[in-house]
């Protein structure tokens, strides 16, 4: 864990399509130019599997061209499901700092 005022970049060994930051140039010049991603396929299923295989065979140095990292900033989860995957009562939502369900809907309609 990094000190409070610092961040760590932890290498990811396969592609994750979750929220991320990437440049158009990286997608164009690295991901799409690999010719592993075909119309109708998922990047993690083709490019990500090739990435994992390459790193397993070549070690950590083989990771560098892929440029995929997880940011560890001691900030806790940056993204949470408020509705959907895990149910929380209004009391649990308020305790966690989220608005009650009715309040959230009112704010979205304003």
PDB file of N, CA and C in Angstrom:
ATOM      1  N   UNK A   1       0.845  -1.182   0.000  1.00  0.00           N
ATOM      2  CA  UNK A   1       0.000   0.000   0.000  1.00  0.00           C
ATOM      3  C   UNK A   1       0.885   1.238   0.000  1.00  0.00           C
ATOM      4  N   UNK A   2       0.598   2.203  -0.889  1.00  0.00           N
ATOM      5  CA  UNK A   2       1.436   3.400  -0.949  1.00  0.00           C
ATOM      6  C   UNK A   2       1.141   4.350   0.208  1.00  0.00           C
ATOM      7  N   UNK A   3       2.098   5.239   0.524  1.00  0.00           N
ATOM      8  CA  UNK A   3       1.811   6.283   1.509  1.00  0.00           C
ATOM      9  C   UNK A   3       0.608   7.107   1.052  1.00  0.00           C
ATOM     10  N   UNK A   4      -0.042   7.796   1.982  1.00  0.00           N
ATOM     11  CA  UNK A   4      -1.274   8.530   1.680  1.00  0.00           C
ATOM     12  C   UNK A   4      -1.137   9.526   0.540  1.00  0.00           C
ATOM     13  N   UNK A   5       0.041  10.115   0.364  1.00  0.00           N
ATOM     14  CA  UNK A   5       0.196  11.145  -0.655  1.00  0.00           C
ATOM     15  C   UNK A   5       0.785  10.615  -1.959  1.00  0.00           C
ATOM     16  N   UNK A   6       0.813   9.303  -2.144  1.00  0.00           N
ATOM     17  CA  UNK A   6       1.386   8.716  -3.353  1.00  0.00           C
ATOM     18  C   UNK A   6       0.441   7.677  -3.945  1.00  0.00           C
ATOM     19  N   UNK A   7       0.691   7.338  -5.195  1.00  0.00           N
ATOM     20  CA  UNK A   7      -0.079   6.312  -5.893  1.00  0.00           C
ATOM     21  C   UNK A   7       0.875   5.255  -6.434  1.00  0.00           C
ATOM     22  N   UNK A   8       0.347   4.078  -6.636  1.00  0.00           N
ATOM     23  CA  UNK A   8       1.101   3.000  -7.275  1.00  0.00           C
ATOM     24  C   UNK A   8       0.371   2.596  -8.553  1.00  0.00           C
ATOM     25  N   UNK A   9       1.131   2.250  -9.569  1.00  0.00           N
ATOM     26  CA  UNK A   9       0.572   1.634 -10.764  1.00  0.00           C
ATOM     27  C   UNK A   9       0.956   0.164 -10.718  1.00  0.00           C
ATOM     28  N   UNK A  10      -0.038  -0.690 -10.628  1.00  0.00           N
ATOM     29  CA  UNK A  10       0.179  -2.127 -10.524  1.00  0.00           C
ATOM     30  C   UNK A  10      -0.106  -2.748 -11.891  1.00  0.00           C
ATOM     31  N   UNK A  11       0.869  -3.436 -12.491  1.00  0.00           N
ATOM     32  CA  UNK A  11       0.644  -4.025 -13.816  1.00  0.00           C
ATOM     33  C   UNK A  11      -0.531  -5.008 -13.816  1.00  0.00           C
ATOM     34  N   UNK A  12      -1.371  -4.896 -14.835  1.00  0.00           N
ATOM     35  CA  UNK A  12      -2.454  -5.860 -15.047  1.00  0.00           C
ATOM     36  C   UNK A  12      -2.008  -6.812 -16.146  1.00  0.00           C
ATOM     37  N   UNK A  13      -2.206  -8.083 -15.928  1.00  0.00           N
ATOM     38  CA  UNK A  13      -1.708  -9.075 -16.867  1.00  0.00           C
ATOM     39  C   UNK A  13      -2.717  -9.452 -17.944  1.00  0.00           C
ATOM     40  N   UNK A  14      -3.914  -8.934 -17.850  1.00  0.00           N
ATOM     41  CA  UNK A  14      -4.879  -9.133 -18.927  1.00  0.00           C
ATOM     42  C   UNK A  14      -5.752  -7.894 -19.025  1.00  0.00           C
ATOM     43  N   UNK A  15      -6.445  -7.765 -20.109  1.00  0.00           N
ATOM     44  CA  UNK A  15      -7.258  -6.595 -20.403  1.00  0.00           C
ATOM     45  C   UNK A  15      -8.563  -6.644 -19.618  1.00  0.00           C
ATOM     46  N   UNK A  16      -8.910  -5.543 -18.990  1.00  0.00           N
ATOM     47  CA  UNK A  16     -10.212  -5.400 -18.348  1.00  0.00           C
ATOM     48  C   UNK A  16     -10.940  -4.260 -19.020  1.00  0.00           C
ATOM     49  N   UNK A  17     -12.194  -4.455 -19.361  1.00  0.00           N
ATOM     50  CA  UNK A  17     -12.936  -3.402 -20.053  1.00  0.00           C
ATOM     51  C   UNK A  17     -13.699  -2.502 -19.088  1.00  0.00           C
ATOM     52  N   UNK A  18     -13.488  -2.639 -17.818  1.00  0.00           N
ATOM     53  CA  UNK A  18     -14.160  -1.773 -16.846  1.00  0.00           C
ATOM     54  C   UNK A  18     -13.695  -0.340 -17.053  1.00  0.00           C
ATOM     55  N   UNK A  19     -14.264   0.576 -16.294  1.00  0.00           N
ATOM     56  CA  UNK A  19     -13.880   1.974 -16.448  1.00  0.00           C
ATOM     57  C   UNK A  19     -12.368   2.120 -16.438  1.00  0.00           C
ATOM     58  N   UNK A  20     -11.868   2.861 -17.410  1.00  0.00           N
ATOM     59  CA  UNK A  20     -10.428   3.049 -17.508  1.00  0.00           C
ATOM     60  C   UNK A  20     -10.143   4.317 -18.299  1.00  0.00           C
ATOM     61  N   UNK A  21      -8.906   4.718 -18.238  1.00  0.00           N
ATOM     62  CA  UNK A  21      -8.445   5.880 -18.993  1.00  0.00           C
ATOM     63  C   UNK A  21      -7.459   5.371 -20.024  1.00  0.00           C
ATOM     64  N   UNK A  22      -7.656   5.756 -21.253  1.00  0.00           N
ATOM     65  CA  UNK A  22      -6.747   5.354 -22.327  1.00  0.00           C
ATOM     66  C   UNK A  22      -6.771   6.425 -23.405  1.00  0.00           C
ATOM     67  N   UNK A  23      -5.685   6.570 -24.089  1.00  0.00           N
ATOM     68  CA  UNK A  23      -5.640   7.534 -25.187  1.00  0.00           C
ATOM     69  C   UNK A  23      -6.145   6.870 -26.463  1.00  0.00           C
ATOM     70  N   UNK A  24      -6.640   7.689 -27.359  1.00  0.00           N
ATOM     71  CA  UNK A  24      -7.053   7.199 -28.670  1.00  0.00           C
ATOM     72  C   UNK A  24      -5.839   6.577 -29.362  1.00  0.00           C
ATOM     73  N   UNK A  25      -4.684   7.207 -29.201  1.00  0.00           N
ATOM     74  CA  UNK A  25      -3.465   6.691 -29.832  1.00  0.00           C
ATOM     75  C   UNK A  25      -3.143   5.284 -29.337  1.00  0.00           C
ATOM     76  N   UNK A  26      -3.342   4.999 -28.039  1.00  0.00           N
ATOM     77  CA  UNK A  26      -3.069   3.656 -27.523  1.00  0.00           C
ATOM     78  C   UNK A  26      -4.022   2.636 -28.151  1.00  0.00           C
ATOM     79  N   UNK A  27      -5.288   2.974 -28.223  1.00  0.00           N
ATOM     80  CA  UNK A  27      -6.234   2.053 -28.867  1.00  0.00           C
ATOM     81  C   UNK A  27      -5.859   1.833 -30.327  1.00  0.00           C
ATOM     82  N   UNK A  28      -5.568   2.922 -31.042  1.00  0.00           N
ATOM     83  CA  UNK A  28      -5.271   2.832 -32.471  1.00  0.00           C
ATOM     84  C   UNK A  28      -3.938   2.130 -32.732  1.00  0.00           C
ATOM     85  N   UNK A  29      -2.873   2.588 -32.046  1.00  0.00           N
ATOM     86  CA  UNK A  29      -1.519   2.149 -32.367  1.00  0.00           C
ATOM     87  C   UNK A  29      -1.109   0.846 -31.694  1.00  0.00           C
ATOM     88  N   UNK A  30      -1.770   0.479 -30.607  1.00  0.00           N
ATOM     89  CA  UNK A  30      -1.387  -0.734 -29.886  1.00  0.00           C
ATOM     90  C   UNK A  30      -2.481  -1.795 -29.978  1.00  0.00           C
ATOM     91  N   UNK A  31      -3.661  -1.476 -29.476  1.00  0.00           N
ATOM     92  CA  UNK A  31      -4.723  -2.490 -29.399  1.00  0.00           C
ATOM     93  C   UNK A  31      -5.249  -2.862 -30.783  1.00  0.00           C
ATOM     94  N   UNK A  32      -5.727  -1.894 -31.530  1.00  0.00           N
ATOM     95  CA  UNK A  32      -6.348  -2.214 -32.814  1.00  0.00           C
ATOM     96  C   UNK A  32      -5.326  -2.629 -33.867  1.00  0.00           C
ATOM     97  N   UNK A  33      -4.120  -2.087 -33.803  1.00  0.00           N
ATOM     98  CA  UNK A  33      -3.110  -2.462 -34.799  1.00  0.00           C
ATOM     99  C   UNK A  33      -2.584  -3.880 -34.581  1.00  0.00           C
ATOM    100  N   UNK A  34      -2.890  -4.474 -33.431  1.00  0.00           N
ATOM    101  CA  UNK A  34      -2.472  -5.860 -33.172  1.00  0.00           C
ATOM    102  C   UNK A  34      -3.192  -6.839 -34.090  1.00  0.00           C
ATOM    103  N   UNK A  35      -4.305  -6.410 -34.654  1.00  0.00           N
ATOM    104  CA  UNK A  35      -5.154  -7.235 -35.526  1.00  0.00           C
ATOM    105  C   UNK A  35      -5.760  -8.439 -34.802  1.00  0.00           C
ATOM    106  N   UNK A  36      -5.734  -8.398 -33.472  1.00  0.00           N
ATOM    107  CA  UNK A  36      -6.344  -9.463 -32.690  1.00  0.00           C
ATOM    108  C   UNK A  36      -7.825  -9.198 -32.450  1.00  0.00           C
ATOM    109  N   UNK A  37      -8.223  -7.942 -32.517  1.00  0.00           N
ATOM    110  CA  UNK A  37      -9.602  -7.550 -32.234  1.00  0.00           C
ATOM    111  C   UNK A  37     -10.366  -7.506 -33.556  1.00  0.00           C
ATOM    112  N   UNK A  38     -11.366  -8.328 -33.656  1.00  0.00           N
ATOM    113  CA  UNK A  38     -12.193  -8.414 -34.868  1.00  0.00           C
ATOM    114  C   UNK A  38     -13.592  -7.889 -34.563  1.00  0.00           C
ATOM    115  N   UNK A  39     -14.279  -7.453 -35.579  1.00  0.00           N
ATOM    116  CA  UNK A  39     -15.642  -6.964 -35.432  1.00  0.00           C
ATOM    117  C   UNK A  39     -16.491  -8.031 -34.745  1.00  0.00           C
ATOM    118  N   UNK A  40     -17.220  -7.605 -33.701  1.00  0.00           N
ATOM    119  CA  UNK A  40     -18.092  -8.522 -32.984  1.00  0.00           C
ATOM    120  C   UNK A  40     -17.419  -9.276 -31.851  1.00  0.00           C
ATOM    121  N   UNK A  41     -16.126  -9.016 -31.616  1.00  0.00           N
ATOM    122  CA  UNK A  41     -15.424  -9.695 -30.523  1.00  0.00           C
ATOM    123  C   UNK A  41     -15.212  -8.716 -29.375  1.00  0.00           C
ATOM    124  N   UNK A  42     -14.902  -9.252 -28.223  1.00  0.00           N
ATOM    125  CA  UNK A  42     -14.590  -8.442 -27.059  1.00  0.00           C
ATOM    126  C   UNK A  42     -13.077  -8.361 -26.920  1.00  0.00           C
ATOM    127  N   UNK A  43     -12.570  -7.169 -26.620  1.00  0.00           N
ATOM    128  CA  UNK A  43     -11.128  -6.986 -26.493  1.00  0.00           C
ATOM    129  C   UNK A  43     -10.544  -7.945 -25.470  1.00  0.00           C
ATOM    130  N   UNK A  44     -11.238  -8.117 -24.325  1.00  0.00           N
ATOM    131  CA  UNK A  44     -10.674  -8.980 -23.287  1.00  0.00           C
ATOM    132  C   UNK A  44     -10.608 -10.445 -23.720  1.00  0.00           C
ATOM    133  N   UNK A  45     -11.476 -10.857 -24.656  1.00  0.00           N
ATOM    134  CA  UNK A  45     -11.477 -12.254 -25.100  1.00  0.00           C
ATOM    135  C   UNK A  45     -10.379 -12.566 -26.103  1.00  0.00           C
ATOM    136  N   UNK A  46      -9.974 -11.608 -26.892  1.00  0.00           N
ATOM    137  CA  UNK A  46      -8.946 -11.888 -27.902  1.00  0.00           C
ATOM    138  C   UNK A  46      -7.630 -11.199 -27.545  1.00  0.00           C
ATOM    139  N   UNK A  47      -7.614  -9.895 -27.498  1.00  0.00           N
ATOM    140  CA  UNK A  47      -6.403  -9.155 -27.157  1.00  0.00           C
ATOM    141  C   UNK A  47      -5.956  -9.492 -25.732  1.00  0.00           C
ATOM    142  N   UNK A  48      -6.894  -9.521 -24.803  1.00  0.00           N
ATOM    143  CA  UNK A  48      -6.562  -9.800 -23.401  1.00  0.00           C
ATOM    144  C   UNK A  48      -5.968 -11.180 -23.199  1.00  0.00           C
ATOM    145  N   UNK A  49      -6.488 -12.171 -23.913  1.00  0.00           N
ATOM    146  CA  UNK A  49      -5.939 -13.532 -23.796  1.00  0.00           C
ATOM    147  C   UNK A  49      -4.537 -13.608 -24.390  1.00  0.00           C
ATOM    148  N   UNK A  50      -4.320 -12.899 -25.504  1.00  0.00           N
ATOM    149  CA  UNK A  50      -2.978 -12.859 -26.099  1.00  0.00           C
ATOM    150  C   UNK A  50      -2.011 -12.132 -25.161  1.00  0.00           C
ATOM    151  N   UNK A  51      -2.487 -11.069 -24.521  1.00  0.00           N
ATOM    152  CA  UNK A  51      -1.669 -10.333 -23.552  1.00  0.00           C
ATOM    153  C   UNK A  51      -1.245 -11.260 -22.413  1.00  0.00           C
ATOM    154  N   UNK A  52      -2.191 -11.971 -21.833  1.00  0.00           N
ATOM    155  CA  UNK A  52      -1.897 -12.881 -20.727  1.00  0.00           C
ATOM    156  C   UNK A  52      -0.883 -13.953 -21.149  1.00  0.00           C
ATOM    157  N   UNK A  53      -1.087 -14.552 -22.310  1.00  0.00           N
ATOM    158  CA  UNK A  53      -0.177 -15.586 -22.818  1.00  0.00           C
ATOM    159  C   UNK A  53       1.231 -15.020 -23.007  1.00  0.00           C
ATOM    160  N   UNK A  54       1.324 -13.827 -23.596  1.00  0.00           N
ATOM    161  CA  UNK A  54       2.627 -13.197 -23.839  1.00  0.00           C
ATOM    162  C   UNK A  54       3.367 -12.940 -22.535  1.00  0.00           C
ATOM    163  N   UNK A  55       2.657 -12.453 -21.534  1.00  0.00           N
ATOM    164  CA  UNK A  55       3.287 -12.145 -20.251  1.00  0.00           C
ATOM    165  C   UNK A  55       3.677 -13.428 -19.515  1.00  0.00           C
ATOM    166  N   UNK A  56       2.847 -14.459 -19.600  1.00  0.00           N
ATOM    167  CA  UNK A  56       3.207 -15.741 -18.976  1.00  0.00           C
ATOM    168  C   UNK A  56       4.485 -16.298 -19.591  1.00  0.00           C
ATOM    169  N   UNK A  57       4.602 -16.162 -20.904  1.00  0.00           N
ATOM    170  CA  UNK A  57       5.771 -16.710 -21.598  1.00  0.00           C
ATOM    171  C   UNK A  57       7.002 -15.810 -21.445  1.00  0.00           C
ATOM    172  N   UNK A  58       6.809 -14.496 -21.443  1.00  0.00           N
ATOM    173  CA  UNK A  58       7.936 -13.572 -21.458  1.00  0.00           C
ATOM    174  C   UNK A  58       8.261 -12.904 -20.134  1.00  0.00           C
ATOM    175  N   UNK A  59       7.429 -13.129 -19.119  1.00  0.00           N
ATOM    176  CA  UNK A  59       7.673 -12.514 -17.826  1.00  0.00           C
ATOM    177  C   UNK A  59       7.206 -11.064 -17.769  1.00  0.00           C
ATOM    178  N   UNK A  60       7.468 -10.427 -16.656  1.00  0.00           N
ATOM    179  CA  UNK A  60       6.976  -9.074 -16.408  1.00  0.00           C
ATOM    180  C   UNK A  60       7.447  -8.062 -17.449  1.00  0.00           C
ATOM    181  N   UNK A  61       8.639  -8.238 -17.985  1.00  0.00           N
ATOM    182  CA  UNK A  61       9.121  -7.300 -19.014  1.00  0.00           C
ATOM    183  C   UNK A  61       8.224  -7.316 -20.251  1.00  0.00           C
ATOM    184  N   UNK A  62       7.562  -8.421 -20.512  1.00  0.00           N
ATOM    185  CA  UNK A  62       6.673  -8.518 -21.673  1.00  0.00           C
ATOM    186  C   UNK A  62       5.404  -7.698 -21.476  1.00  0.00           C
ATOM    187  N   UNK A  63       5.163  -7.233 -20.259  1.00  0.00           N
ATOM    188  CA  UNK A  63       3.976  -6.436 -19.976  1.00  0.00           C
ATOM    189  C   UNK A  63       4.067  -5.024 -20.548  1.00  0.00           C
ATOM    190  N   UNK A  64       5.248  -4.458 -20.569  1.00  0.00           N
ATOM    191  CA  UNK A  64       5.440  -3.042 -20.897  1.00  0.00           C
ATOM    192  C   UNK A  64       4.688  -2.573 -22.157  1.00  0.00           C
ATOM    193  N   UNK A  65       4.746  -3.257 -23.280  1.00  0.00           N
ATOM    194  CA  UNK A  65       4.045  -2.756 -24.476  1.00  0.00           C
ATOM    195  C   UNK A  65       2.522  -2.679 -24.324  1.00  0.00           C
ATOM    196  N   UNK A  66       1.963  -3.465 -23.420  1.00  0.00           N
ATOM    197  CA  UNK A  66       0.511  -3.472 -23.252  1.00  0.00           C
ATOM    198  C   UNK A  66       0.023  -2.250 -22.488  1.00  0.00           C
ATOM    199  N   UNK A  67       0.797  -1.775 -21.535  1.00  0.00           N
ATOM    200  CA  UNK A  67       0.483  -0.537 -20.826  1.00  0.00           C
ATOM    201  C   UNK A  67      -0.794  -0.565 -20.008  1.00  0.00           C
ATOM    202  N   UNK A  68      -1.144  -1.690 -19.426  1.00  0.00           N
ATOM    203  CA  UNK A  68      -2.363  -1.788 -18.618  1.00  0.00           C
ATOM    204  C   UNK A  68      -1.995  -1.853 -17.142  1.00  0.00           C
ATOM    205  N   UNK A  69      -2.564  -0.932 -16.359  1.00  0.00           N
ATOM    206  CA  UNK A  69      -2.237  -0.839 -14.937  1.00  0.00           C
ATOM    207  C   UNK A  69      -3.490  -0.587 -14.116  1.00  0.00           C
ATOM    208  N   UNK A  70      -3.406  -0.982 -12.875  1.00  0.00           N
ATOM    209  CA  UNK A  70      -4.419  -0.672 -11.879  1.00  0.00           C
ATOM    210  C   UNK A  70      -3.850   0.435 -11.006  1.00  0.00           C
ATOM    211  N   UNK A  71      -4.619   1.497 -10.784  1.00  0.00           N
ATOM    212  CA  UNK A  71      -4.181   2.607  -9.943  1.00  0.00           C
ATOM    213  C   UNK A  71      -4.541   2.314  -8.499  1.00  0.00           C
ATOM    214  N   UNK A  72      -3.545   2.270  -7.625  1.00  0.00           N
ATOM    215  CA  UNK A  72      -3.762   2.095  -6.187  1.00  0.00           C
ATOM    216  C   UNK A  72      -3.460   3.440  -5.536  1.00  0.00           C
ATOM    217  N   UNK A  73      -4.507   4.075  -5.019  1.00  0.00           N
ATOM    218  CA  UNK A  73      -4.327   5.421  -4.456  1.00  0.00           C
ATOM    219  C   UNK A  73      -4.828   5.547  -3.024  1.00  0.00           C
ATOM    220  N   UNK A  74      -5.079   4.421  -2.365  1.00  0.00           N
ATOM    221  CA  UNK A  74      -5.577   4.420  -0.980  1.00  0.00           C
ATOM    222  C   UNK A  74      -6.933   5.087  -0.830  1.00  0.00           C
ATOM    223  N   UNK A  75      -7.618   5.294  -1.908  1.00  0.00           N
ATOM    224  CA  UNK A  75      -8.889   5.993  -1.839  1.00  0.00           C
ATOM    225  C   UNK A  75     -10.096   5.100  -1.662  1.00  0.00           C
ATOM    226  N   UNK A  76      -9.906   3.814  -1.588  1.00  0.00           N
ATOM    227  CA  UNK A  76     -11.045   2.915  -1.515  1.00  0.00           C
ATOM    228  C   UNK A  76     -11.675   2.769  -2.880  1.00  0.00           C
ATOM    229  N   UNK A  77     -12.795   2.080  -2.947  1.00  0.00           N
ATOM    230  CA  UNK A  77     -13.448   1.878  -4.245  1.00  0.00           C
ATOM    231  C   UNK A  77     -13.822   3.200  -4.887  1.00  0.00           C
ATOM    232  N   UNK A  78     -13.501   3.329  -6.155  1.00  0.00           N
ATOM    233  CA  UNK A  78     -13.841   4.541  -6.891  1.00  0.00           C
ATOM    234  C   UNK A  78     -15.202   4.399  -7.560  1.00  0.00           C
ATOM    235  N   UNK A  79     -15.625   3.176  -7.778  1.00  0.00           N
ATOM    236  CA  UNK A  79     -16.890   2.911  -8.448  1.00  0.00           C
ATOM    237  C   UNK A  79     -17.627   1.863  -7.638  1.00  0.00           C
ATOM    238  N   UNK A  80     -18.864   2.130  -7.346  1.00  0.00           N
ATOM    239  CA  UNK A  80     -19.690   1.163  -6.628  1.00  0.00           C
ATOM    240  C   UNK A  80     -21.033   1.078  -7.329  1.00  0.00           C
ATOM    241  N   UNK A  81     -21.650  -0.069  -7.238  1.00  0.00           N
ATOM    242  CA  UNK A  81     -23.021  -0.204  -7.716  1.00  0.00           C
ATOM    243  C   UNK A  81     -23.933   0.269  -6.598  1.00  0.00           C
ATOM    244  N   UNK A  82     -24.682   1.321  -6.862  1.00  0.00           N
ATOM    245  CA  UNK A  82     -25.615   1.828  -5.862  1.00  0.00           C
ATOM    246  C   UNK A  82     -26.937   1.090  -6.007  1.00  0.00           C
ATOM    247  N   UNK A  83     -27.341   0.833  -7.209  1.00  0.00           N
ATOM    248  CA  UNK A  83     -28.555   0.074  -7.486  1.00  0.00           C
ATOM    249  C   UNK A  83     -28.168  -1.112  -8.357  1.00  0.00           C
ATOM    250  N   UNK A  84     -28.760  -2.229  -8.146  1.00  0.00           N
ATOM    251  CA  UNK A  84     -28.545  -3.318  -9.067  1.00  0.00           C
ATOM    252  C   UNK A  84     -27.949  -4.562  -8.462  1.00  0.00           C
ATOM    253  N   UNK A  85     -26.654  -4.646  -8.422  1.00  0.00           N
ATOM    254  CA  UNK A  85     -26.015  -5.898  -8.035  1.00  0.00           C
ATOM    255  C   UNK A  85     -26.158  -6.232  -6.565  1.00  0.00           C
ATOM    256  N   UNK A  86     -26.229  -5.254  -5.723  1.00  0.00           N
ATOM    257  CA  UNK A  86     -26.316  -5.531  -4.286  1.00  0.00           C
ATOM    258  C   UNK A  86     -27.385  -4.639  -3.681  1.00  0.00           C
ATOM    259  N   UNK A  87     -28.358  -5.237  -3.061  1.00  0.00           N
ATOM    260  CA  UNK A  87     -29.440  -4.468  -2.466  1.00  0.00           C
ATOM    261  C   UNK A  87     -29.002  -3.877  -1.141  1.00  0.00           C
ATOM    262  N   UNK A  88     -29.367  -2.629  -0.919  1.00  0.00           N
ATOM    263  CA  UNK A  88     -29.128  -1.978   0.361  1.00  0.00           C
ATOM    264  C   UNK A  88     -30.435  -1.321   0.786  1.00  0.00           C
ATOM    265  N   UNK A  89     -30.778  -1.476   2.036  1.00  0.00           N
ATOM    266  CA  UNK A  89     -31.962  -0.793   2.556  1.00  0.00           C
ATOM    267  C   UNK A  89     -31.672   0.703   2.587  1.00  0.00           C
ATOM    268  N   UNK A  90     -32.727   1.524   2.751  1.00  0.00           N
ATOM    269  CA  UNK A  90     -32.520   2.967   2.843  1.00  0.00           C
ATOM    270  C   UNK A  90     -31.615   3.311   4.020  1.00  0.00           C
ATOM    271  N   UNK A  91     -31.769   2.608   5.132  1.00  0.00           N
ATOM    272  CA  UNK A  91     -30.916   2.864   6.304  1.00  0.00           C
ATOM    273  C   UNK A  91     -29.453   2.560   5.973  1.00  0.00           C
ATOM    274  N   UNK A  92     -29.195   1.448   5.274  1.00  0.00           N
ATOM    275  CA  UNK A  92     -27.827   1.096   4.893  1.00  0.00           C
ATOM    276  C   UNK A  92     -27.260   2.116   3.906  1.00  0.00           C
ATOM    277  N   UNK A  93     -28.098   2.578   2.980  1.00  0.00           N
ATOM    278  CA  UNK A  93     -27.652   3.579   2.008  1.00  0.00           C
ATOM    279  C   UNK A  93     -27.267   4.875   2.702  1.00  0.00           C
ATOM    280  N   UNK A  94     -28.096   5.323   3.638  1.00  0.00           N
ATOM    281  CA  UNK A  94     -27.802   6.560   4.369  1.00  0.00           C
ATOM    282  C   UNK A  94     -26.531   6.407   5.199  1.00  0.00           C
ATOM    283  N   UNK A  95     -26.372   5.251   5.833  1.00  0.00           N
ATOM    284  CA  UNK A  95     -25.176   4.997   6.637  1.00  0.00           C
ATOM    285  C   UNK A  95     -23.914   5.010   5.773  1.00  0.00           C
ATOM    286  N   UNK A  96     -24.028   4.550   4.539  1.00  0.00           N
ATOM    287  CA  UNK A  96     -22.889   4.526   3.616  1.00  0.00           C
ATOM    288  C   UNK A  96     -22.657   5.875   2.951  1.00  0.00           C
ATOM    289  N   UNK A  97     -23.541   6.839   3.196  1.00  0.00           N
ATOM    290  CA  UNK A  97     -23.375   8.162   2.606  1.00  0.00           C
ATOM    291  C   UNK A  97     -24.105   8.355   1.288  1.00  0.00           C
ATOM    292  N   UNK A  98     -24.960   7.376   0.903  1.00  0.00           N
ATOM    293  CA  UNK A  98     -25.734   7.483  -0.324  1.00  0.00           C
ATOM    294  C   UNK A  98     -27.128   8.005   0.000  1.00  0.00           C
ATOM    295  N   UNK A  99     -27.789   8.675  -0.937  1.00  0.00           N
ATOM    296  CA  UNK A  99     -29.162   9.102  -0.681  1.00  0.00           C
ATOM    297  C   UNK A  99     -30.101   7.892  -0.649  1.00  0.00           C
ATOM    298  N   UNK A 100     -31.218   8.028   0.032  1.00  0.00           N
ATOM    299  CA  UNK A 100     -32.243   6.986   0.006  1.00  0.00           C
ATOM    300  C   UNK A 100     -32.723   6.845  -1.431  1.00  0.00           C
ATOM    301  N   UNK A 101     -33.308   5.705  -1.780  1.00  0.00           N
ATOM    302  CA  UNK A 101     -33.689   5.456  -3.174  1.00  0.00           C
ATOM    303  C   UNK A 101     -34.581   6.554  -3.737  1.00  0.00           C
ATOM    304  N   UNK A 102     -35.587   6.977  -3.046  1.00  0.00           N
ATOM    305  CA  UNK A 102     -36.475   8.022  -3.549  1.00  0.00           C
ATOM    306  C   UNK A 102     -35.751   9.357  -3.744  1.00  0.00           C
ATOM    307  N   UNK A 103     -34.805   9.658  -2.849  1.00  0.00           N
ATOM    308  CA  UNK A 103     -34.046  10.910  -2.951  1.00  0.00           C
ATOM    309  C   UNK A 103     -33.160  10.906  -4.192  1.00  0.00           C
ATOM    310  N   UNK A 104     -32.549   9.768  -4.514  1.00  0.00           N
ATOM    311  CA  UNK A 104     -31.671   9.675  -5.670  1.00  0.00           C
ATOM    312  C   UNK A 104     -32.457   9.913  -6.952  1.00  0.00           C
ATOM    313  N   UNK A 105     -33.671   9.353  -7.043  1.00  0.00           N
ATOM    314  CA  UNK A 105     -34.489   9.539  -8.229  1.00  0.00           C
ATOM    315  C   UNK A 105     -34.926  10.979  -8.388  1.00  0.00           C
ATOM    316  N   UNK A 106     -35.233  11.666  -7.273  1.00  0.00           N
ATOM    317  CA  UNK A 106     -35.631  13.071  -7.324  1.00  0.00           C
ATOM    318  C   UNK A 106     -34.473  13.927  -7.820  1.00  0.00           C
ATOM    319  N   UNK A 107     -33.236  13.651  -7.357  1.00  0.00           N
ATOM    320  CA  UNK A 107     -32.074  14.426  -7.776  1.00  0.00           C
ATOM    321  C   UNK A 107     -31.817  14.251  -9.265  1.00  0.00           C
ATOM    322  N   UNK A 108     -31.998  13.046  -9.811  1.00  0.00           N
ATOM    323  CA  UNK A 108     -31.755  12.791 -11.221  1.00  0.00           C
ATOM    324  C   UNK A 108     -32.749  13.523 -12.098  1.00  0.00           C
ATOM    325  N   UNK A 109     -33.976  13.728 -11.626  1.00  0.00           N
ATOM    326  CA  UNK A 109     -34.996  14.376 -12.445  1.00  0.00           C
ATOM    327  C   UNK A 109     -34.895  15.904 -12.398  1.00  0.00           C
ATOM    328  N   UNK A 110     -34.117  16.455 -11.476  1.00  0.00           N
ATOM    329  CA  UNK A 110     -33.980  17.929 -11.376  1.00  0.00           C
ATOM    330  C   UNK A 110     -33.174  18.507 -12.502  1.00  0.00           C
TER     331      UNK A 110
END
